[in-house]
């Protein structure tokens, strides 16, 4: 079963390559496209990892369905049970970490709302008194609709036109429901560490998305760039609930964002460019996920084939499965 193990390990390592490709392609796309591409890639890579673990975990179970005694299974694949136990343990740890991460998100969001409860509201704007200079988009929570939170210190630090940029930026976060994309990628990063780099890339592109929306609202890209630079220089995060990934105008690599705003507005890919880029990312990233699903199915078919061999029944394998029989058979006999 050497080849099966090598295939499993390969599919668990491939997400690192998939994440690198997704980041590179996102750099060539406008912010909206980049954000959705990174989110989709994160889900596919995490799903592929889980599929590979499931495929390894259910081999003994499938053997029992074929009425194979455990002793006979271990004769053919001595490490089947240890590998299955390791895969089951990995999935259990992932589940615990996912639940803990989700609960932490909810807890910190609750704390964030408690921190700003003394603010005064005007529509979707919530101004919090204090000397801290900060602004962020606070998602909806338990009947409270999403609000743009700005400290009075930040309001004083910016001019009237710059405040308009700031509010438009944070409103873009709320309107685009960027916190959901951020949460999805954050949870996917728990499943496989390769996705963590996509989480950092997504933060940058979400801020770029909001930057472009703010520039469109004020109609002046240079004013938007100056406002974001000034807000970042004056900003702080001491007033936030510590640890919560709030989307803020001061987040991400601000110099890169300002430089992008001083360039012409990025155009959405058109025609062949759009489809080639989309298909390129889809093929590379989906290959990881589909490969993992194919592994799960392949292991199921292999157990069925092995069961027939051990029980002395004709396997009926030919063609591609004849090659599989040769590979897995040689691995099993080693």
Protein backbone atom coordinates (compact mmCIF):
# COMPACT_ATOMS: atom_id res chain seq x y z
CA UNK A 1 0.00 0.00 0.00
CA UNK A 2 3.05 2.22 -0.38
CA UNK A 3 1.56 3.97 -3.39
CA UNK A 4 -1.71 4.73 -1.62
CA UNK A 5 0.19 6.34 1.26
CA UNK A 6 2.31 8.35 -1.17
CA UNK A 7 -0.84 9.56 -2.93
CA UNK A 8 -2.44 10.61 0.36
CA UNK A 9 0.68 12.49 1.43
CA UNK A 10 0.88 14.18 -1.98
CA UNK A 11 -2.71 15.39 -1.74
CA UNK A 12 -2.07 16.78 1.74
CA UNK A 13 1.02 18.66 0.48
CA UNK A 14 -0.52 19.94 -2.77
CA UNK A 15 -2.53 22.71 -1.02
CA UNK A 16 0.76 24.58 -0.50
CA UNK A 17 1.22 24.72 -4.26
CA UNK A 18 -2.46 25.51 -4.81
CA UNK A 19 -2.31 28.39 -2.33
CA UNK A 20 0.78 29.84 -4.02
CA UNK A 21 -0.94 29.74 -7.42
CA UNK A 22 -4.12 31.30 -6.02
CA UNK A 23 -2.14 34.19 -4.47
CA UNK A 24 -0.25 34.83 -7.71
CA UNK A 25 -3.39 34.84 -9.84
CA UNK A 26 -5.22 37.09 -7.34
CA UNK A 27 -2.50 39.72 -7.78
CA UNK A 28 -3.39 39.97 -11.47
CA UNK A 29 -7.14 40.40 -10.84
CA UNK A 30 -9.20 43.43 -9.78
CA UNK A 31 -10.09 43.43 -6.06
CA UNK A 32 -13.63 42.03 -6.44
CA UNK A 33 -12.43 39.11 -8.54
CA UNK A 34 -9.41 38.53 -6.30
CA UNK A 35 -11.49 38.32 -3.12
CA UNK A 36 -13.95 35.79 -4.50
CA UNK A 37 -11.16 33.77 -6.12
CA UNK A 38 -9.20 33.55 -2.86
CA UNK A 39 -12.32 32.59 -0.92
CA UNK A 40 -13.23 29.88 -3.43
CA UNK A 41 -9.67 28.58 -3.45
CA UNK A 42 -9.63 28.39 0.35
CA UNK A 43 -12.86 26.37 0.43
CA UNK A 44 -11.65 23.97 -2.28
CA UNK A 45 -8.25 23.45 -0.66
CA UNK A 46 -9.76 22.82 2.77
CA UNK A 47 -12.36 20.51 1.24
CA UNK A 48 -9.69 18.57 -0.62
CA UNK A 49 -7.72 18.07 2.58
CA UNK A 50 -10.78 16.75 4.40
CA UNK A 51 -11.60 14.45 1.47
CA UNK A 52 -8.11 12.95 1.59
CA UNK A 53 -8.42 12.31 5.32
CA UNK A 54 -11.88 10.80 4.89
CA UNK A 55 -10.57 8.53 2.15
CA UNK A 56 -7.83 7.24 4.44
CA UNK A 57 -10.11 6.98 7.47
CA UNK A 58 -12.83 4.83 5.97
CA UNK A 59 -10.66 1.97 4.59
CA UNK A 60 -11.22 -0.37 7.61
CA UNK A 61 -14.93 0.48 7.59
CA UNK A 62 -15.21 -0.42 3.90
CA UNK A 63 -13.34 -3.63 4.57
CA UNK A 64 -15.88 -4.57 7.22
CA UNK A 65 -18.68 -3.94 4.71
CA UNK A 66 -16.98 -6.47 2.43
CA UNK A 67 -17.05 -8.99 5.32
CA UNK A 68 -13.27 -9.01 5.62
CA UNK A 69 -11.95 -9.86 9.09
CA UNK A 70 -9.55 -7.28 10.49
CA UNK A 71 -6.79 -9.88 10.66
CA UNK A 72 -6.95 -10.43 6.90
CA UNK A 73 -6.92 -6.68 6.25
CA UNK A 74 -3.82 -6.23 8.38
CA UNK A 75 -2.08 -9.05 6.50
CA UNK A 76 -2.45 -7.11 3.25
CA UNK A 77 -2.01 -3.60 4.69
CA UNK A 78 -0.44 -3.77 8.17
CA UNK A 79 -0.62 0.00 8.64
CA UNK A 80 -4.27 0.40 7.55
CA UNK A 81 -5.63 0.77 11.08
CA UNK A 82 -2.88 3.14 12.36
CA UNK A 83 -3.31 5.36 9.29
CA UNK A 84 -7.08 5.33 9.67
CA UNK A 85 -6.77 6.22 13.36
CA UNK A 86 -4.36 9.05 12.54
CA UNK A 87 -6.75 10.40 9.91
CA UNK A 88 -9.68 10.14 12.32
CA UNK A 89 -7.71 11.93 15.03
CA UNK A 90 -6.70 14.68 12.59
CA UNK A 91 -10.34 15.22 11.58
CA UNK A 92 -11.44 15.27 15.22
CA UNK A 93 -8.80 17.90 16.05
CA UNK A 94 -9.89 19.93 13.03
CA UNK A 95 -13.50 19.78 14.17
CA UNK A 96 -12.59 20.92 17.68
CA UNK A 97 -10.46 23.77 16.33
CA UNK A 98 -13.21 24.83 13.90
CA UNK A 99 -15.81 24.95 16.69
CA UNK A 100 -13.42 26.86 18.97
CA UNK A 101 -12.57 29.31 16.21
CA UNK A 102 -16.23 29.92 15.40
CA UNK A 103 -17.10 30.44 19.06
CA UNK A 104 -14.16 32.83 19.39
CA UNK A 105 -15.47 34.83 16.43
CA UNK A 106 -18.88 35.11 18.06
CA UNK A 107 -17.43 35.96 21.48
CA UNK A 108 -15.12 38.67 20.15
CA UNK A 109 -17.90 40.13 18.03
CA UNK A 110 -20.03 40.37 21.17
CA UNK A 111 -17.18 42.09 22.99
CA UNK A 112 -16.73 44.51 20.10
CA UNK A 113 -20.37 45.54 20.38
CA UNK A 114 -19.99 46.00 24.14
CA UNK A 115 -16.96 48.23 23.56
CA UNK A 116 -18.90 50.59 21.28
CA UNK A 117 -22.24 50.58 23.13
CA UNK A 118 -21.52 54.06 24.52
CA UNK A 119 -21.31 55.51 21.02
CA UNK A 120 -23.92 57.86 19.56
CA UNK A 121 -25.68 56.78 16.39
CA UNK A 122 -26.72 58.58 13.24
CA UNK A 123 -28.05 56.15 10.65
CA UNK A 124 -25.40 53.49 10.04
CA UNK A 125 -22.72 55.64 11.70
CA UNK A 126 -21.68 55.14 15.32
CA UNK A 127 -19.31 57.72 16.81
CA UNK A 128 -17.47 56.55 19.91
CA UNK A 129 -16.03 59.27 22.23
CA UNK A 130 -12.39 59.08 23.19
CA UNK A 131 -8.88 60.08 22.21
CA UNK A 132 -8.22 56.87 20.24
CA UNK A 133 -8.00 57.36 16.48
CA UNK A 134 -9.78 54.42 14.86
CA UNK A 135 -12.53 53.37 12.45
CA UNK A 136 -13.87 49.98 11.42
CA UNK A 137 -16.89 48.13 10.04
CA UNK A 138 -18.80 46.26 12.77
CA UNK A 139 -20.95 43.40 11.36
CA UNK A 140 -24.55 42.76 12.41
CA UNK A 141 -25.03 40.82 15.64
CA UNK A 142 -28.18 39.57 17.39
CA UNK A 143 -30.63 42.08 16.02
CA UNK A 144 -28.10 44.89 15.76
CA UNK A 145 -27.55 45.86 12.14
CA UNK A 146 -24.03 46.47 10.89
CA UNK A 147 -22.57 49.84 11.76
CA UNK A 148 -19.63 51.99 10.76
CA UNK A 149 -17.74 52.72 13.98
CA UNK A 150 -15.58 55.86 14.10
CA UNK A 151 -13.93 57.36 17.14
CA UNK A 152 -14.20 61.08 17.76
CA UNK A 153 -10.38 61.16 17.59
CA UNK A 154 -10.50 59.88 14.01
CA UNK A 155 -13.18 62.41 13.08
CA UNK A 156 -10.95 65.22 14.33
CA UNK A 157 -7.87 63.85 12.54
CA UNK A 158 -9.45 64.03 9.07
CA UNK A 159 -10.79 66.84 6.92
CA UNK A 160 -14.38 66.85 5.68
CA UNK A 161 -13.56 65.28 2.30
CA UNK A 162 -11.33 62.70 3.90
CA UNK A 163 -14.06 61.74 6.36
CA UNK A 164 -16.30 61.06 3.36
CA UNK A 165 -13.68 58.64 2.01
CA UNK A 166 -13.41 56.95 5.39
CA UNK A 167 -17.15 56.40 5.74
CA UNK A 168 -17.51 55.21 2.14
CA UNK A 169 -14.69 52.72 2.71
CA UNK A 170 -16.26 51.18 5.81
CA UNK A 171 -19.74 51.16 4.23
CA UNK A 172 -18.30 49.21 1.32
CA UNK A 173 -17.16 46.54 3.80
CA UNK A 174 -20.67 46.27 5.20
CA UNK A 175 -22.44 46.37 1.82
CA UNK A 176 -20.14 43.69 0.38
CA UNK A 177 -20.47 41.53 3.51
CA UNK A 178 -16.72 41.27 3.56
CA UNK A 179 -16.75 39.90 7.10
CA UNK A 180 -18.32 36.68 5.77
CA UNK A 181 -15.55 36.16 3.21
CA UNK A 182 -12.99 36.84 5.92
CA UNK A 183 -14.65 34.36 8.30
CA UNK A 184 -14.83 31.61 5.66
CA UNK A 185 -11.14 31.86 4.84
CA UNK A 186 -10.24 32.13 8.52
CA UNK A 187 -12.08 28.89 9.26
CA UNK A 188 -10.57 27.18 6.21
CA UNK A 189 -7.11 28.11 7.54
CA UNK A 190 -7.85 25.92 10.57
CA UNK A 191 -8.22 22.88 8.30
CA UNK A 192 -4.89 23.30 6.49
CA UNK A 193 -2.05 25.72 7.37
CA UNK A 194 -1.42 26.46 3.68
CA UNK A 195 -4.64 28.51 3.64
CA UNK A 196 -3.21 30.98 6.17
CA UNK A 197 -1.32 32.75 3.41
CA UNK A 198 -4.62 33.18 1.54
CA UNK A 199 -6.12 34.75 4.64
CA UNK A 200 -3.42 37.44 4.62
CA UNK A 201 -3.85 37.99 0.88
CA UNK A 202 -7.63 38.25 1.29
CA UNK A 203 -7.27 40.98 3.93
CA UNK A 204 -5.30 43.09 1.45
CA UNK A 205 -7.72 42.58 -1.43
CA UNK A 206 -10.78 43.25 0.75
CA UNK A 207 -9.27 46.58 1.72
CA UNK A 208 -8.49 47.28 -1.93
CA UNK A 209 -12.10 46.49 -2.81
CA UNK A 210 -13.32 49.00 -0.22
CA UNK A 211 -10.69 51.54 -1.34
CA UNK A 212 -11.94 51.41 -4.92
CA UNK A 213 -15.55 51.75 -3.76
CA UNK A 214 -14.64 54.81 -1.68
CA UNK A 215 -12.73 56.38 -4.59
CA UNK A 216 -15.77 55.86 -6.82
CA UNK A 217 -18.04 57.56 -4.26
CA UNK A 218 -15.90 60.71 -3.91
CA UNK A 219 -14.90 60.70 -7.57
CA UNK A 220 -11.25 61.50 -6.87
CA UNK A 221 -8.67 58.72 -6.50
CA UNK A 222 -5.96 61.05 -5.19
CA UNK A 223 -8.23 62.36 -2.41
CA UNK A 224 -9.05 58.78 -1.47
CA UNK A 225 -5.35 57.87 -1.36
CA UNK A 226 -4.51 60.87 0.84
CA UNK A 227 -7.40 60.13 3.22
CA UNK A 228 -6.39 56.49 3.66
CA UNK A 229 -2.75 57.41 4.22
CA UNK A 230 -3.69 60.07 6.79
CA UNK A 231 -6.10 57.73 8.60
CA UNK A 232 -3.46 54.98 8.74
CA UNK A 233 -0.80 57.33 10.10
CA UNK A 234 -3.12 58.67 12.78
CA UNK A 235 -4.89 55.38 13.53
CA UNK A 236 -4.66 52.99 16.43
CA UNK A 237 -6.51 49.84 17.43
CA UNK A 238 -6.53 50.22 21.22
CA UNK A 239 -10.26 50.76 21.30
CA UNK A 240 -11.18 47.50 19.59
CA UNK A 241 -12.00 44.13 21.06
CA UNK A 242 -8.58 42.51 21.01
CA UNK A 243 -8.12 39.73 18.49
CA UNK A 244 -11.25 40.26 16.40
CA UNK A 245 -10.47 40.59 12.67
CA UNK A 246 -12.40 43.82 12.15
CA UNK A 247 -12.19 45.33 8.69
CA UNK A 248 -10.67 48.76 8.98
CA UNK A 249 -9.35 51.47 6.71
CA UNK A 250 -6.02 51.15 8.55
CA UNK A 251 -5.66 47.39 7.88
CA UNK A 252 -3.35 45.67 5.45
CA UNK A 253 -0.22 47.03 3.74
CA UNK A 254 -1.33 50.66 3.48
CA UNK A 255 1.56 51.85 1.22
CA UNK A 256 0.59 49.30 -1.44
CA UNK A 257 -3.04 50.37 -1.19
CA UNK A 258 -2.18 54.04 -1.53
CA UNK A 259 0.10 53.33 -4.50
CA UNK A 260 -2.73 51.40 -6.21
CA UNK A 261 -5.11 54.33 -5.74
CA UNK A 262 -2.66 56.66 -7.42
CA UNK A 263 -2.81 54.46 -10.51
CA UNK A 264 -5.77 54.24 -12.94
CA UNK A 265 -8.78 52.26 -11.80
CA UNK A 266 -8.24 48.52 -12.42
CA UNK A 267 -10.54 47.20 -15.12
CA UNK A 268 -12.34 43.89 -14.83
CA UNK A 269 -10.79 41.28 -17.12
CA UNK A 270 -12.61 41.06 -20.43
CA UNK A 271 -13.08 38.38 -23.04
CA UNK A 272 -10.30 35.82 -23.35
CA UNK A 273 -8.26 37.32 -20.51
CA UNK A 274 -11.14 36.92 -18.07
CA UNK A 275 -11.89 33.35 -19.04
CA UNK A 276 -8.26 32.24 -19.23
CA UNK A 277 -7.59 33.65 -15.75
CA UNK A 278 -10.73 32.16 -14.26
CA UNK A 279 -10.19 28.78 -15.89
CA UNK A 280 -6.52 28.75 -14.87
CA UNK A 281 -7.34 29.20 -11.21
CA UNK A 282 -10.29 26.81 -11.40
CA UNK A 283 -8.20 24.05 -13.00
CA UNK A 284 -5.23 24.34 -10.63
CA UNK A 285 -7.19 24.64 -7.41
CA UNK A 286 -10.01 22.26 -8.32
CA UNK A 287 -7.42 19.63 -9.27
CA UNK A 288 -6.43 19.42 -5.61
CA UNK A 289 -10.00 19.03 -4.39
CA UNK A 290 -11.07 16.65 -7.15
CA UNK A 291 -7.90 14.65 -6.71
CA UNK A 292 -8.76 14.16 -3.05
CA UNK A 293 -12.30 13.12 -3.90
CA UNK A 294 -10.90 10.70 -6.47
CA UNK A 295 -8.65 9.27 -3.77
CA UNK A 296 -11.64 8.62 -1.52
CA UNK A 297 -13.45 6.85 -4.34
CA UNK A 298 -10.30 5.01 -5.41
CA UNK A 299 -9.69 3.68 -1.91
CA UNK A 300 -13.27 2.45 -1.81
CA UNK A 301 -12.80 0.61 -5.12
CA UNK A 302 -9.47 -0.78 -4.00
CA UNK A 303 -10.91 -2.24 -0.80
CA UNK A 304 -13.65 -3.86 -2.85
CA UNK A 305 -11.06 -5.32 -5.24
CA UNK A 306 -8.83 -6.48 -2.39
CA UNK A 307 -11.79 -8.11 -0.68
CA UNK A 308 -12.57 -10.18 -3.79
CA UNK A 309 -8.94 -11.27 -4.02
CA UNK A 310 -8.75 -12.32 -0.39
CA UNK A 311 -12.05 -14.17 -0.63
CA UNK A 312 -10.93 -15.93 -3.79
CA UNK A 313 -13.58 -14.33 -5.99
CA UNK A 314 -12.89 -13.01 -9.51
CA UNK A 315 -12.05 -9.32 -9.32
CA UNK A 316 -13.19 -8.37 -12.79
CA UNK A 317 -10.57 -5.58 -12.90
CA UNK A 318 -9.16 -4.64 -16.29
CA UNK A 319 -7.78 -1.66 -18.14
CA UNK A 320 -7.06 1.22 -15.72
CA UNK A 321 -7.97 -0.88 -12.71
CA UNK A 322 -5.51 -3.51 -13.92
CA UNK A 323 -2.78 -0.89 -13.51
CA UNK A 324 -4.18 0.03 -10.10
CA UNK A 325 -4.15 -3.65 -9.16
CA UNK A 326 -0.51 -3.90 -10.16
CA UNK A 327 0.51 -0.78 -8.24
CA UNK A 328 -1.42 -1.48 -5.08
CA UNK A 329 -0.70 -5.19 -5.25
CA UNK A 330 3.02 -4.65 -5.48
CA UNK A 331 2.84 -2.17 -2.62
CA UNK A 332 0.85 -4.61 -0.51
CA UNK A 333 3.28 -7.45 -1.06
CA UNK A 334 6.26 -5.40 0.09
